[in-house]
PDB file of all heavy atoms in Angstrom:
ATOM      1  N   LEU A   1       0.432  -8.104  12.572  1.00  0.00           N
ATOM      2  CA  LEU A   1      -0.695  -7.874  13.464  1.00  0.00           C
ATOM      3  C   LEU A   1      -0.218  -7.989  14.922  1.00  0.00           C
ATOM      4  O   LEU A   1       0.326  -9.005  15.331  1.00  0.00           O
ATOM      5  CB  LEU A   1      -1.797  -8.918  13.195  1.00  0.00           C
ATOM      6  CG  LEU A   1      -3.054  -8.783  14.037  1.00  0.00           C
ATOM      7  CD1 LEU A   1      -3.745  -7.450  13.766  1.00  0.00           C
ATOM      8  CD2 LEU A   1      -4.021  -9.936  13.750  1.00  0.00           C
ATOM      9  N   GLU A   2      -0.414  -6.965  15.687  1.00  0.00           N
ATOM     10  CA  GLU A   2      -0.045  -6.974  17.095  1.00  0.00           C
ATOM     11  C   GLU A   2      -1.334  -7.080  17.908  1.00  0.00           C
ATOM     12  O   GLU A   2      -2.113  -6.113  17.984  1.00  0.00           O
ATOM     13  CB  GLU A   2       0.710  -5.707  17.472  1.00  0.00           C
ATOM     14  CG  GLU A   2       2.054  -5.605  16.793  1.00  0.00           C
ATOM     15  CD  GLU A   2       2.795  -4.339  17.185  1.00  0.00           C
ATOM     16  OE1 GLU A   2       2.256  -3.565  18.011  1.00  0.00           O
ATOM     17  OE2 GLU A   2       3.911  -4.120  16.673  1.00  0.00           O
ATOM     18  N   LEU A   3      -1.568  -8.328  18.564  1.00  0.00           N
ATOM     19  CA  LEU A   3      -2.827  -8.550  19.281  1.00  0.00           C
ATOM     20  C   LEU A   3      -2.784  -7.940  20.679  1.00  0.00           C
ATOM     21  O   LEU A   3      -3.750  -7.329  21.129  1.00  0.00           O
ATOM     22  CB  LEU A   3      -3.101 -10.055  19.408  1.00  0.00           C
ATOM     23  CG  LEU A   3      -3.302 -10.783  18.066  1.00  0.00           C
ATOM     24  CD1 LEU A   3      -3.537 -12.270  18.352  1.00  0.00           C
ATOM     25  CD2 LEU A   3      -4.473 -10.191  17.314  1.00  0.00           C
ATOM     26  N   ASP A   4      -1.660  -8.113  21.403  1.00  0.00           N
ATOM     27  CA  ASP A   4      -1.589  -7.556  22.751  1.00  0.00           C
ATOM     28  C   ASP A   4      -0.149  -7.205  23.009  1.00  0.00           C
ATOM     29  O   ASP A   4       0.721  -8.056  23.057  1.00  0.00           O
ATOM     30  CB  ASP A   4      -2.058  -8.582  23.791  1.00  0.00           C
ATOM     31  CG  ASP A   4      -2.134  -7.977  25.188  1.00  0.00           C
ATOM     32  OD1 ASP A   4      -1.913  -6.719  25.296  1.00  0.00           O
ATOM     33  OD2 ASP A   4      -2.431  -8.705  26.124  1.00  0.00           O
ATOM     34  N   SER A   5       0.064  -5.992  23.197  1.00  0.00           N
ATOM     35  CA  SER A   5       1.451  -5.555  23.319  1.00  0.00           C
ATOM     36  C   SER A   5       2.053  -5.899  24.672  1.00  0.00           C
ATOM     37  O   SER A   5       3.262  -5.885  24.842  1.00  0.00           O
ATOM     38  CB  SER A   5       1.530  -4.033  23.084  1.00  0.00           C
ATOM     39  OG  SER A   5       0.690  -3.367  24.039  1.00  0.00           O
ATOM     40  N   GLY A   6       1.185  -6.346  25.686  1.00  0.00           N
ATOM     41  CA  GLY A   6       1.727  -6.643  27.018  1.00  0.00           C
ATOM     42  C   GLY A   6       1.953  -8.126  27.267  1.00  0.00           C
ATOM     43  O   GLY A   6       2.370  -8.524  28.344  1.00  0.00           O
ATOM     44  N   ARG A   7       1.713  -8.950  26.315  1.00  0.00           N
ATOM     45  CA  ARG A   7       1.890 -10.389  26.515  1.00  0.00           C
ATOM     46  C   ARG A   7       3.344 -10.764  26.457  1.00  0.00           C
ATOM     47  O   ARG A   7       4.101 -10.177  25.710  1.00  0.00           O
ATOM     48  CB  ARG A   7       1.126 -11.169  25.456  1.00  0.00           C
ATOM     49  CG  ARG A   7      -0.395 -11.080  25.630  1.00  0.00           C
ATOM     50  CD  ARG A   7      -1.046 -11.841  24.525  1.00  0.00           C
ATOM     51  NE  ARG A   7      -0.577 -13.220  24.545  1.00  0.00           N
ATOM     52  CZ  ARG A   7      -0.825 -14.104  23.583  1.00  0.00           C
ATOM     53  NH1 ARG A   7      -1.505 -13.754  22.513  1.00  0.00           N
ATOM     54  NH2 ARG A   7      -0.387 -15.360  23.688  1.00  0.00           N
ATOM     55  N   GLN A   8       3.665 -11.793  27.195  1.00  0.00           N
ATOM     56  CA  GLN A   8       5.037 -12.256  27.209  1.00  0.00           C
ATOM     57  C   GLN A   8       5.308 -13.192  26.046  1.00  0.00           C
ATOM     58  O   GLN A   8       6.379 -13.149  25.464  1.00  0.00           O
ATOM     59  CB  GLN A   8       5.323 -13.021  28.527  1.00  0.00           C
ATOM     60  CG  GLN A   8       5.204 -12.128  29.746  1.00  0.00           C
ATOM     61  CD  GLN A   8       6.237 -11.028  29.766  1.00  0.00           C
ATOM     62  OE1 GLN A   8       7.367 -11.245  29.344  1.00  0.00           O
ATOM     63  NE2 GLN A   8       5.867  -9.858  30.306  1.00  0.00           N
ATOM     64  N   THR A   9       4.296 -14.000  25.788  1.00  0.00           N
ATOM     65  CA  THR A   9       4.454 -14.926  24.671  1.00  0.00           C
ATOM     66  C   THR A   9       3.291 -14.745  23.736  1.00  0.00           C
ATOM     67  O   THR A   9       2.171 -14.449  24.154  1.00  0.00           O
ATOM     68  CB  THR A   9       4.485 -16.386  25.182  1.00  0.00           C
ATOM     69  OG1 THR A   9       3.255 -16.677  25.874  1.00  0.00           O
ATOM     70  CG2 THR A   9       5.679 -16.615  26.104  1.00  0.00           C
ATOM     71  N   GLU A  10       3.582 -14.758  22.498  1.00  0.00           N
ATOM     72  CA  GLU A  10       2.540 -14.570  21.490  1.00  0.00           C
ATOM     73  C   GLU A  10       2.299 -15.930  20.862  1.00  0.00           C
ATOM     74  O   GLU A  10       3.208 -16.606  20.408  1.00  0.00           O
ATOM     75  CB  GLU A  10       3.006 -13.570  20.438  1.00  0.00           C
ATOM     76  CG  GLU A  10       3.202 -12.156  21.012  1.00  0.00           C
ATOM     77  CD  GLU A  10       3.561 -11.152  19.954  1.00  0.00           C
ATOM     78  OE1 GLU A  10       3.587 -11.519  18.754  1.00  0.00           O
ATOM     79  OE2 GLU A  10       3.813  -9.956  20.284  1.00  0.00           O
ATOM     80  N   TRP A  11       0.984 -16.271  20.842  1.00  0.00           N
ATOM     81  CA  TRP A  11       0.608 -17.564  20.285  1.00  0.00           C
ATOM     82  C   TRP A  11       0.581 -17.525  18.773  1.00  0.00           C
ATOM     83  O   TRP A  11       0.695 -18.546  18.122  1.00  0.00           O
ATOM     84  CB  TRP A  11      -0.766 -17.997  20.844  1.00  0.00           C
ATOM     85  CG  TRP A  11      -1.889 -17.024  20.484  1.00  0.00           C
ATOM     86  CD1 TRP A  11      -2.279 -15.977  21.148  1.00  0.00           C
ATOM     87  CD2 TRP A  11      -2.689 -17.148  19.352  1.00  0.00           C
ATOM     88  NE1 TRP A  11      -3.296 -15.346  20.543  1.00  0.00           N
ATOM     89  CE2 TRP A  11      -3.578 -16.081  19.390  1.00  0.00           C
ATOM     90  CE3 TRP A  11      -2.765 -18.064  18.250  1.00  0.00           C
ATOM     91  CZ2 TRP A  11      -4.533 -15.892  18.406  1.00  0.00           C
ATOM     92  CZ3 TRP A  11      -3.738 -17.840  17.299  1.00  0.00           C
ATOM     93  CH2 TRP A  11      -4.616 -16.741  17.380  1.00  0.00           C
ATOM     94  N   PHE A  12       0.502 -16.280  18.209  1.00  0.00           N
ATOM     95  CA  PHE A  12       0.428 -16.231  16.759  1.00  0.00           C
ATOM     96  C   PHE A  12       1.595 -15.395  16.257  1.00  0.00           C
ATOM     97  O   PHE A  12       1.521 -14.164  16.186  1.00  0.00           O
ATOM     98  CB  PHE A  12      -0.917 -15.621  16.334  1.00  0.00           C
ATOM     99  CG  PHE A  12      -1.084 -15.632  14.844  1.00  0.00           C
ATOM    100  CD1 PHE A  12      -1.368 -16.817  14.215  1.00  0.00           C
ATOM    101  CD2 PHE A  12      -0.937 -14.483  14.104  1.00  0.00           C
ATOM    102  CE1 PHE A  12      -1.525 -16.841  12.865  1.00  0.00           C
ATOM    103  CE2 PHE A  12      -1.092 -14.533  12.744  1.00  0.00           C
ATOM    104  CZ  PHE A  12      -1.395 -15.691  12.123  1.00  0.00           C
ATOM    105  N   GLU A  13       2.618 -16.092  16.030  1.00  0.00           N
ATOM    106  CA  GLU A  13       3.781 -15.408  15.481  1.00  0.00           C
ATOM    107  C   GLU A  13       4.483 -16.385  14.548  1.00  0.00           C
ATOM    108  O   GLU A  13       4.447 -17.590  14.751  1.00  0.00           O
ATOM    109  CB  GLU A  13       4.738 -14.940  16.576  1.00  0.00           C
ATOM    110  CG  GLU A  13       5.159 -15.990  17.574  1.00  0.00           C
ATOM    111  CD  GLU A  13       6.056 -15.440  18.653  1.00  0.00           C
ATOM    112  OE1 GLU A  13       5.839 -14.270  19.106  1.00  0.00           O
ATOM    113  OE2 GLU A  13       7.007 -16.109  19.010  1.00  0.00           O
ATOM    114  N   PRO A  14       5.022 -15.874  13.543  1.00  0.00           N
ATOM    115  CA  PRO A  14       5.568 -16.762  12.512  1.00  0.00           C
ATOM    116  C   PRO A  14       6.767 -17.539  13.034  1.00  0.00           C
ATOM    117  O   PRO A  14       7.553 -17.000  13.805  1.00  0.00           O
ATOM    118  CB  PRO A  14       5.954 -15.795  11.383  1.00  0.00           C
ATOM    119  CG  PRO A  14       6.109 -14.458  12.036  1.00  0.00           C
ATOM    120  CD  PRO A  14       5.210 -14.462  13.241  1.00  0.00           C
ATOM    121  N   ASP A  15       6.802 -18.687  12.497  1.00  0.00           N
ATOM    122  CA  ASP A  15       7.920 -19.539  12.897  1.00  0.00           C
ATOM    123  C   ASP A  15       8.863 -19.811  11.744  1.00  0.00           C
ATOM    124  O   ASP A  15       9.736 -20.643  11.850  1.00  0.00           O
ATOM    125  CB  ASP A  15       7.390 -20.909  13.435  1.00  0.00           C
ATOM    126  CG  ASP A  15       6.593 -20.733  14.706  1.00  0.00           C
ATOM    127  OD1 ASP A  15       6.887 -19.739  15.445  1.00  0.00           O
ATOM    128  OD2 ASP A  15       5.678 -21.519  14.929  1.00  0.00           O
ATOM    129  N   TYR A  16       8.565 -19.012  10.586  1.00  0.00           N
ATOM    130  CA  TYR A  16       9.369 -19.388   9.424  1.00  0.00           C
ATOM    131  C   TYR A  16      10.505 -18.411   9.206  1.00  0.00           C
ATOM    132  O   TYR A  16      11.011 -18.248   8.122  1.00  0.00           O
ATOM    133  CB  TYR A  16       8.502 -19.449   8.150  1.00  0.00           C
ATOM    134  CG  TYR A  16       7.353 -18.442   8.143  1.00  0.00           C
ATOM    135  CD1 TYR A  16       7.579 -17.115   7.847  1.00  0.00           C
ATOM    136  CD2 TYR A  16       6.074 -18.890   8.478  1.00  0.00           C
ATOM    137  CE1 TYR A  16       6.537 -16.261   7.870  1.00  0.00           C
ATOM    138  CE2 TYR A  16       5.036 -18.016   8.483  1.00  0.00           C
ATOM    139  CZ  TYR A  16       5.266 -16.684   8.175  1.00  0.00           C
ATOM    140  OH  TYR A  16       4.230 -15.804   8.201  1.00  0.00           O
ATOM    141  N   GLY A  17      10.877 -17.736  10.239  1.00  0.00           N
ATOM    142  CA  GLY A  17      12.132 -16.983  10.183  1.00  0.00           C
ATOM    143  C   GLY A  17      12.035 -15.596   9.583  1.00  0.00           C
ATOM    144  O   GLY A  17      13.038 -14.952   9.385  1.00  0.00           O
ATOM    145  N   PHE A  18      10.852 -15.049   9.190  1.00  0.00           N
ATOM    146  CA  PHE A  18      10.735 -13.669   8.665  1.00  0.00           C
ATOM    147  C   PHE A  18      10.790 -12.657   9.783  1.00  0.00           C
ATOM    148  O   PHE A  18      10.344 -12.932  10.892  1.00  0.00           O
ATOM    149  CB  PHE A  18       9.421 -13.494   7.880  1.00  0.00           C
ATOM    150  CG  PHE A  18       9.431 -14.246   6.588  1.00  0.00           C
ATOM    151  CD1 PHE A  18       8.772 -15.469   6.488  1.00  0.00           C
ATOM    152  CD2 PHE A  18      10.081 -13.770   5.479  1.00  0.00           C
ATOM    153  CE1 PHE A  18       8.782 -16.178   5.286  1.00  0.00           C
ATOM    154  CE2 PHE A  18      10.070 -14.465   4.294  1.00  0.00           C
ATOM    155  CZ  PHE A  18       9.434 -15.664   4.178  1.00  0.00           C
ATOM    156  N   GLY A  19      11.218 -11.449   9.469  1.00  0.00           N
ATOM    157  CA  GLY A  19      11.217 -10.404  10.479  1.00  0.00           C
ATOM    158  C   GLY A  19       9.828  -9.859  10.690  1.00  0.00           C
ATOM    159  O   GLY A  19       8.839 -10.330  10.150  1.00  0.00           O
ATOM    160  N   SER A  20       9.752  -8.835  11.510  1.00  0.00           N
ATOM    161  CA  SER A  20       8.459  -8.233  11.849  1.00  0.00           C
ATOM    162  C   SER A  20       8.046  -7.136  10.882  1.00  0.00           C
ATOM    163  O   SER A  20       7.083  -6.425  11.122  1.00  0.00           O
ATOM    164  CB  SER A  20       8.519  -7.646  13.259  1.00  0.00           C
ATOM    165  OG  SER A  20       9.544  -6.663  13.338  1.00  0.00           O
ATOM    166  N   GLY A  21       8.739  -6.864   9.705  1.00  0.00           N
ATOM    167  CA  GLY A  21       8.390  -5.808   8.735  1.00  0.00           C
ATOM    168  C   GLY A  21       7.202  -6.202   7.893  1.00  0.00           C
ATOM    169  O   GLY A  21       6.708  -7.311   7.933  1.00  0.00           O
ATOM    170  N   ALA A  22       6.702  -5.206   7.077  1.00  0.00           N
ATOM    171  CA  ALA A  22       5.542  -5.414   6.195  1.00  0.00           C
ATOM    172  C   ALA A  22       5.935  -6.328   5.059  1.00  0.00           C
ATOM    173  O   ALA A  22       7.086  -6.328   4.594  1.00  0.00           O
ATOM    174  CB  ALA A  22       5.040  -4.085   5.658  1.00  0.00           C
ATOM    175  N   LEU A  23       4.932  -7.007   4.557  1.00  0.00           N
ATOM    176  CA  LEU A  23       5.162  -7.986   3.508  1.00  0.00           C
ATOM    177  C   LEU A  23       4.392  -7.555   2.264  1.00  0.00           C
ATOM    178  O   LEU A  23       3.188  -7.279   2.319  1.00  0.00           O
ATOM    179  CB  LEU A  23       4.678  -9.368   3.955  1.00  0.00           C
ATOM    180  CG  LEU A  23       4.840 -10.474   2.924  1.00  0.00           C
ATOM    181  CD1 LEU A  23       6.324 -10.732   2.646  1.00  0.00           C
ATOM    182  CD2 LEU A  23       4.170 -11.754   3.442  1.00  0.00           C
ATOM    183  N   ARG A  24       5.102  -7.366   1.094  1.00  0.00           N
ATOM    184  CA  ARG A  24       4.450  -6.961  -0.157  1.00  0.00           C
ATOM    185  C   ARG A  24       3.678  -8.120  -0.709  1.00  0.00           C
ATOM    186  O   ARG A  24       4.246  -9.202  -0.946  1.00  0.00           O
ATOM    187  CB  ARG A  24       5.479  -6.497  -1.175  1.00  0.00           C
ATOM    188  CG  ARG A  24       4.836  -5.900  -2.423  1.00  0.00           C
ATOM    189  CD  ARG A  24       5.910  -5.367  -3.352  1.00  0.00           C
ATOM    190  NE  ARG A  24       6.624  -6.465  -3.969  1.00  0.00           N
ATOM    191  CZ  ARG A  24       6.210  -7.104  -5.088  1.00  0.00           C
ATOM    192  NH1 ARG A  24       5.084  -6.758  -5.683  1.00  0.00           N
ATOM    193  NH2 ARG A  24       6.927  -8.105  -5.584  1.00  0.00           N
ATOM    194  N   VAL A  25       2.387  -7.880  -0.948  1.00  0.00           N
ATOM    195  CA  VAL A  25       1.542  -8.951  -1.468  1.00  0.00           C
ATOM    196  C   VAL A  25       1.028  -8.635  -2.870  1.00  0.00           C
ATOM    197  O   VAL A  25       0.364  -9.470  -3.491  1.00  0.00           O
ATOM    198  CB  VAL A  25       0.348  -9.184  -0.520  1.00  0.00           C
ATOM    199  CG1 VAL A  25       0.804  -9.697   0.829  1.00  0.00           C
ATOM    200  CG2 VAL A  25      -0.477  -7.931  -0.349  1.00  0.00           C
ATOM    201  N   GLY A  26       1.284  -7.403  -3.378  1.00  0.00           N
ATOM    202  CA  GLY A  26       0.815  -7.067  -4.728  1.00  0.00           C
ATOM    203  C   GLY A  26       1.071  -5.586  -5.056  1.00  0.00           C
ATOM    204  O   GLY A  26       1.682  -4.847  -4.292  1.00  0.00           O
ATOM    205  N   THR A  27       0.550  -5.177  -6.204  1.00  0.00           N
ATOM    206  CA  THR A  27       0.730  -3.794  -6.696  1.00  0.00           C
ATOM    207  C   THR A  27      -0.591  -3.291  -7.266  1.00  0.00           C
ATOM    208  O   THR A  27      -1.285  -4.022  -7.991  1.00  0.00           O
ATOM    209  CB  THR A  27       1.803  -3.729  -7.791  1.00  0.00           C
ATOM    210  OG1 THR A  27       3.019  -4.274  -7.266  1.00  0.00           O
ATOM    211  CG2 THR A  27       2.009  -2.308  -8.245  1.00  0.00           C
ATOM    212  N   VAL A  28      -0.905  -2.054  -6.959  1.00  0.00           N
ATOM    213  CA  VAL A  28      -2.077  -1.403  -7.549  1.00  0.00           C
ATOM    214  C   VAL A  28      -1.590  -0.289  -8.494  1.00  0.00           C
ATOM    215  O   VAL A  28      -0.705   0.478  -8.150  1.00  0.00           O
ATOM    216  CB  VAL A  28      -3.018  -0.839  -6.459  1.00  0.00           C
ATOM    217  CG1 VAL A  28      -2.332   0.170  -5.568  1.00  0.00           C
ATOM    218  CG2 VAL A  28      -4.249  -0.211  -7.110  1.00  0.00           C
ATOM    219  N   GLN A  29      -2.150  -0.249  -9.686  1.00  0.00           N
ATOM    220  CA  GLN A  29      -1.775   0.755 -10.716  1.00  0.00           C
ATOM    221  C   GLN A  29      -3.022   1.566 -11.100  1.00  0.00           C
ATOM    222  O   GLN A  29      -4.090   1.007 -11.360  1.00  0.00           O
ATOM    223  CB  GLN A  29      -1.204   0.068 -11.954  1.00  0.00           C
ATOM    224  CG  GLN A  29       0.130  -0.613 -11.713  1.00  0.00           C
ATOM    225  CD  GLN A  29       0.648  -1.303 -12.966  1.00  0.00           C
ATOM    226  OE1 GLN A  29      -0.155  -1.737 -13.811  1.00  0.00           O
ATOM    227  NE2 GLN A  29       1.978  -1.440 -13.064  1.00  0.00           N
ATOM    228  N   VAL A  30      -2.842   2.882 -11.140  1.00  0.00           N
ATOM    229  CA  VAL A  30      -3.919   3.806 -11.556  1.00  0.00           C
ATOM    230  C   VAL A  30      -3.497   4.439 -12.883  1.00  0.00           C
ATOM    231  O   VAL A  30      -2.438   5.090 -12.970  1.00  0.00           O
ATOM    232  CB  VAL A  30      -4.171   4.885 -10.492  1.00  0.00           C
ATOM    233  CG1 VAL A  30      -5.236   5.859 -10.975  1.00  0.00           C
ATOM    234  CG2 VAL A  30      -4.588   4.236  -9.180  1.00  0.00           C
ATOM    235  N   GLY A  31      -4.271   4.221 -13.926  1.00  0.00           N
ATOM    236  CA  GLY A  31      -3.964   4.775 -15.249  1.00  0.00           C
ATOM    237  C   GLY A  31      -4.827   5.990 -15.567  1.00  0.00           C
ATOM    238  O   GLY A  31      -6.055   5.909 -15.539  1.00  0.00           O
ATOM    239  N   VAL A  32      -4.177   7.099 -15.816  1.00  0.00           N
ATOM    240  CA  VAL A  32      -4.873   8.365 -16.171  1.00  0.00           C
ATOM    241  C   VAL A  32      -4.538   8.698 -17.617  1.00  0.00           C
ATOM    242  O   VAL A  32      -3.356   8.728 -18.005  1.00  0.00           O
ATOM    243  CB  VAL A  32      -4.446   9.505 -15.235  1.00  0.00           C
ATOM    244  CG1 VAL A  32      -5.167  10.805 -15.630  1.00  0.00           C
ATOM    245  CG2 VAL A  32      -4.733   9.147 -13.791  1.00  0.00           C
ATOM    246  N   SER A  33      -5.556   8.969 -18.406  1.00  0.00           N
ATOM    247  CA  SER A  33      -5.349   9.277 -19.829  1.00  0.00           C
ATOM    248  C   SER A  33      -4.634  10.627 -19.992  1.00  0.00           C
ATOM    249  O   SER A  33      -4.938  11.609 -19.288  1.00  0.00           O
ATOM    250  CB  SER A  33      -6.700   9.314 -20.557  1.00  0.00           C
ATOM    251  OG  SER A  33      -6.511   9.682 -21.905  1.00  0.00           O
ATOM    252  N   THR A  34      -3.666  10.660 -20.884  1.00  0.00           N
ATOM    253  CA  THR A  34      -2.968  11.939 -21.155  1.00  0.00           C
ATOM    254  C   THR A  34      -3.886  12.971 -21.798  1.00  0.00           C
ATOM    255  O   THR A  34      -3.633  14.188 -21.744  1.00  0.00           O
ATOM    256  CB  THR A  34      -1.755  11.681 -22.067  1.00  0.00           C
ATOM    257  OG1 THR A  34      -2.198  11.019 -23.261  1.00  0.00           O
ATOM    258  CG2 THR A  34      -0.735  10.808 -21.360  1.00  0.00           C
ATOM    259  N   GLU A  35      -4.979  12.529 -22.464  1.00  0.00           N
ATOM    260  CA  GLU A  35      -5.922  13.475 -23.072  1.00  0.00           C
ATOM    261  C   GLU A  35      -6.636  14.290 -22.008  1.00  0.00           C
ATOM    262  O   GLU A  35      -7.092  15.405 -22.276  1.00  0.00           O
ATOM    263  CB  GLU A  35      -6.940  12.711 -23.912  1.00  0.00           C
ATOM    264  CG  GLU A  35      -6.323  12.023 -25.132  1.00  0.00           C
ATOM    265  CD  GLU A  35      -7.365  11.267 -25.936  1.00  0.00           C
ATOM    266  OE1 GLU A  35      -8.535  11.249 -25.492  1.00  0.00           O
ATOM    267  OE2 GLU A  35      -7.009  10.726 -26.995  1.00  0.00           O
ATOM    268  N   LEU A  36      -6.757  13.725 -20.801  1.00  0.00           N
ATOM    269  CA  LEU A  36      -7.400  14.470 -19.728  1.00  0.00           C
ATOM    270  C   LEU A  36      -6.611  15.734 -19.396  1.00  0.00           C
ATOM    271  O   LEU A  36      -7.184  16.815 -19.230  1.00  0.00           O
ATOM    272  CB  LEU A  36      -7.514  13.572 -18.496  1.00  0.00           C
ATOM    273  CG  LEU A  36      -8.153  14.220 -17.252  1.00  0.00           C
ATOM    274  CD1 LEU A  36      -9.591  14.614 -17.538  1.00  0.00           C
ATOM    275  CD2 LEU A  36      -8.084  13.258 -16.062  1.00  0.00           C
ATOM    276  N   LEU A  37      -5.280  15.598 -19.330  1.00  0.00           N
ATOM    277  CA  LEU A  37      -4.444  16.770 -19.057  1.00  0.00           C
ATOM    278  C   LEU A  37      -4.502  17.773 -20.209  1.00  0.00           C
ATOM    279  O   LEU A  37      -4.555  18.990 -20.000  1.00  0.00           O
ATOM    280  CB  LEU A  37      -3.002  16.324 -18.800  1.00  0.00           C
ATOM    281  CG  LEU A  37      -2.014  17.444 -18.451  1.00  0.00           C
ATOM    282  CD1 LEU A  37      -2.458  18.160 -17.167  1.00  0.00           C
ATOM    283  CD2 LEU A  37      -0.606  16.879 -18.300  1.00  0.00           C
ATOM    284  N   ALA A  38      -4.544  17.254 -21.452  1.00  0.00           N
ATOM    285  CA  ALA A  38      -4.629  18.164 -22.605  1.00  0.00           C
ATOM    286  C   ALA A  38      -5.949  18.919 -22.597  1.00  0.00           C
ATOM    287  O   ALA A  38      -6.010  20.128 -22.889  1.00  0.00           O
ATOM    288  CB  ALA A  38      -4.465  17.366 -23.896  1.00  0.00           C
ATOM    289  N   THR A  39      -7.048  18.200 -22.272  1.00  0.00           N
ATOM    290  CA  THR A  39      -8.354  18.871 -22.209  1.00  0.00           C
ATOM    291  C   THR A  39      -8.352  19.922 -21.114  1.00  0.00           C
ATOM    292  O   THR A  39      -8.870  21.042 -21.297  1.00  0.00           O
ATOM    293  CB  THR A  39      -9.453  17.827 -21.954  1.00  0.00           C
ATOM    294  OG1 THR A  39      -9.425  16.843 -22.983  1.00  0.00           O
ATOM    295  CG2 THR A  39     -10.810  18.486 -21.917  1.00  0.00           C
ATOM    296  N   ARG A  40      -7.767  19.564 -19.990  1.00  0.00           N
ATOM    297  CA  ARG A  40      -7.689  20.535 -18.891  1.00  0.00           C
ATOM    298  C   ARG A  40      -6.855  21.747 -19.301  1.00  0.00           C
ATOM    299  O   ARG A  40      -7.208  22.905 -18.997  1.00  0.00           O
ATOM    300  CB  ARG A  40      -7.069  19.844 -17.678  1.00  0.00           C
ATOM    301  CG  ARG A  40      -6.998  20.739 -16.443  1.00  0.00           C
ATOM    302  CD  ARG A  40      -8.394  20.997 -15.897  1.00  0.00           C
ATOM    303  NE  ARG A  40      -8.346  21.830 -14.712  1.00  0.00           N
ATOM    304  CZ  ARG A  40      -8.115  21.377 -13.485  1.00  0.00           C
ATOM    305  NH1 ARG A  40      -7.912  20.068 -13.289  1.00  0.00           N
ATOM    306  NH2 ARG A  40      -8.100  22.193 -12.457  1.00  0.00           N
ATOM    307  N   ARG A  41      -5.766  21.490 -20.009  1.00  0.00           N
ATOM    308  CA  ARG A  41      -4.916  22.599 -20.477  1.00  0.00           C
ATOM    309  C   ARG A  41      -5.685  23.509 -21.436  1.00  0.00           C
ATOM    310  O   ARG A  41      -5.605  24.740 -21.377  1.00  0.00           O
ATOM    311  CB  ARG A  41      -3.665  22.033 -21.153  1.00  0.00           C
ATOM    312  CG  ARG A  41      -2.670  23.128 -21.551  1.00  0.00           C
ATOM    313  CD  ARG A  41      -1.496  22.560 -22.325  1.00  0.00           C
ATOM    314  NE  ARG A  41      -0.765  21.561 -21.557  1.00  0.00           N
ATOM    315  CZ  ARG A  41      -0.728  20.260 -21.840  1.00  0.00           C
ATOM    316  NH1 ARG A  41      -1.412  19.783 -22.880  1.00  0.00           N
ATOM    317  NH2 ARG A  41      -0.027  19.424 -21.094  1.00  0.00           N
ATOM    318  N   GLN A  42      -6.452  22.933 -22.372  1.00  0.00           N
ATOM    319  CA  GLN A  42      -7.224  23.717 -23.336  1.00  0.00           C
ATOM    320  C   GLN A  42      -8.287  24.557 -22.629  1.00  0.00           C
ATOM    321  O   GLN A  42      -8.501  25.731 -22.970  1.00  0.00           O
ATOM    322  CB  GLN A  42      -7.871  22.780 -24.361  1.00  0.00           C
ATOM    323  CG  GLN A  42      -8.557  23.505 -25.512  1.00  0.00           C
ATOM    324  CD  GLN A  42      -9.058  22.522 -26.565  1.00  0.00           C
ATOM    325  OE1 GLN A  42      -8.985  21.303 -26.358  1.00  0.00           O
ATOM    326  NE2 GLN A  42      -9.558  23.050 -27.650  1.00  0.00           N
ATOM    327  N   ASP A  43      -8.948  23.950 -21.641  1.00  0.00           N
ATOM    328  CA  ASP A  43      -9.948  24.709 -20.892  1.00  0.00           C
ATOM    329  C   ASP A  43      -9.314  25.898 -20.177  1.00  0.00           C
ATOM    330  O   ASP A  43      -9.879  27.001 -20.145  1.00  0.00           O
ATOM    331  CB  ASP A  43     -10.631  23.789 -19.869  1.00  0.00           C
ATOM    332  CG  ASP A  43     -11.494  22.724 -20.539  1.00  0.00           C
ATOM    333  OD1 ASP A  43     -11.860  22.937 -21.727  1.00  0.00           O
ATOM    334  OD2 ASP A  43     -11.798  21.691 -19.891  1.00  0.00           O
ATOM    335  N   ILE A  44      -8.150  25.642 -19.612  1.00  0.00           N
ATOM    336  CA  ILE A  44      -7.457  26.739 -18.911  1.00  0.00           C
ATOM    337  C   ILE A  44      -7.097  27.862 -19.882  1.00  0.00           C
ATOM    338  O   ILE A  44      -7.276  29.056 -19.589  1.00  0.00           O
ATOM    339  CB  ILE A  44      -6.204  26.193 -18.198  1.00  0.00           C
ATOM    340  CG1 ILE A  44      -6.621  25.300 -17.040  1.00  0.00           C
ATOM    341  CG2 ILE A  44      -5.323  27.345 -17.699  1.00  0.00           C
ATOM    342  CD1 ILE A  44      -5.459  24.582 -16.375  1.00  0.00           C
ATOM    343  N   LEU A  45      -6.568  27.493 -21.061  1.00  0.00           N
ATOM    344  CA  LEU A  45      -6.190  28.513 -22.045  1.00  0.00           C
ATOM    345  C   LEU A  45      -7.399  29.327 -22.494  1.00  0.00           C
ATOM    346  O   LEU A  45      -7.344  30.567 -22.595  1.00  0.00           O
ATOM    347  CB  LEU A  45      -5.509  27.849 -23.238  1.00  0.00           C
ATOM    348  CG  LEU A  45      -4.116  27.267 -22.989  1.00  0.00           C
ATOM    349  CD1 LEU A  45      -3.606  26.541 -24.236  1.00  0.00           C
ATOM    350  CD2 LEU A  45      -3.142  28.375 -22.607  1.00  0.00           C
ATOM    351  N   TRP A  46      -8.500  28.659 -22.811  1.00  0.00           N
ATOM    352  CA  TRP A  46      -9.694  29.381 -23.289  1.00  0.00           C
ATOM    353  C   TRP A  46     -10.260  30.292 -22.207  1.00  0.00           C
ATOM    354  O   TRP A  46     -10.657  31.440 -22.485  1.00  0.00           O
ATOM    355  CB  TRP A  46     -10.762  28.385 -23.759  1.00  0.00           C
ATOM    356  CG  TRP A  46     -10.497  27.861 -25.144  1.00  0.00           C
ATOM    357  CD1 TRP A  46     -10.150  26.592 -25.483  1.00  0.00           C
ATOM    358  CD2 TRP A  46     -10.569  28.611 -26.345  1.00  0.00           C
ATOM    359  NE1 TRP A  46      -9.984  26.483 -26.838  1.00  0.00           N
ATOM    360  CE2 TRP A  46     -10.241  27.723 -27.405  1.00  0.00           C
ATOM    361  CE3 TRP A  46     -10.867  29.922 -26.653  1.00  0.00           C
ATOM    362  CZ2 TRP A  46     -10.210  28.115 -28.733  1.00  0.00           C
ATOM    363  CZ3 TRP A  46     -10.838  30.328 -27.978  1.00  0.00           C
ATOM    364  CH2 TRP A  46     -10.508  29.435 -29.006  1.00  0.00           C
TER     365      TRP A  46
END
């Protein structure tokens, strides 16, 4: 989080030695049924 890009000192910055990159906090998974593609394929064929 960048609060003010013109400040000389930032009051909220980590002190535990991590860099300024993004931090992975979890994973989201989307499951799509393979039957959906088969149904779509059948509709296209017909």
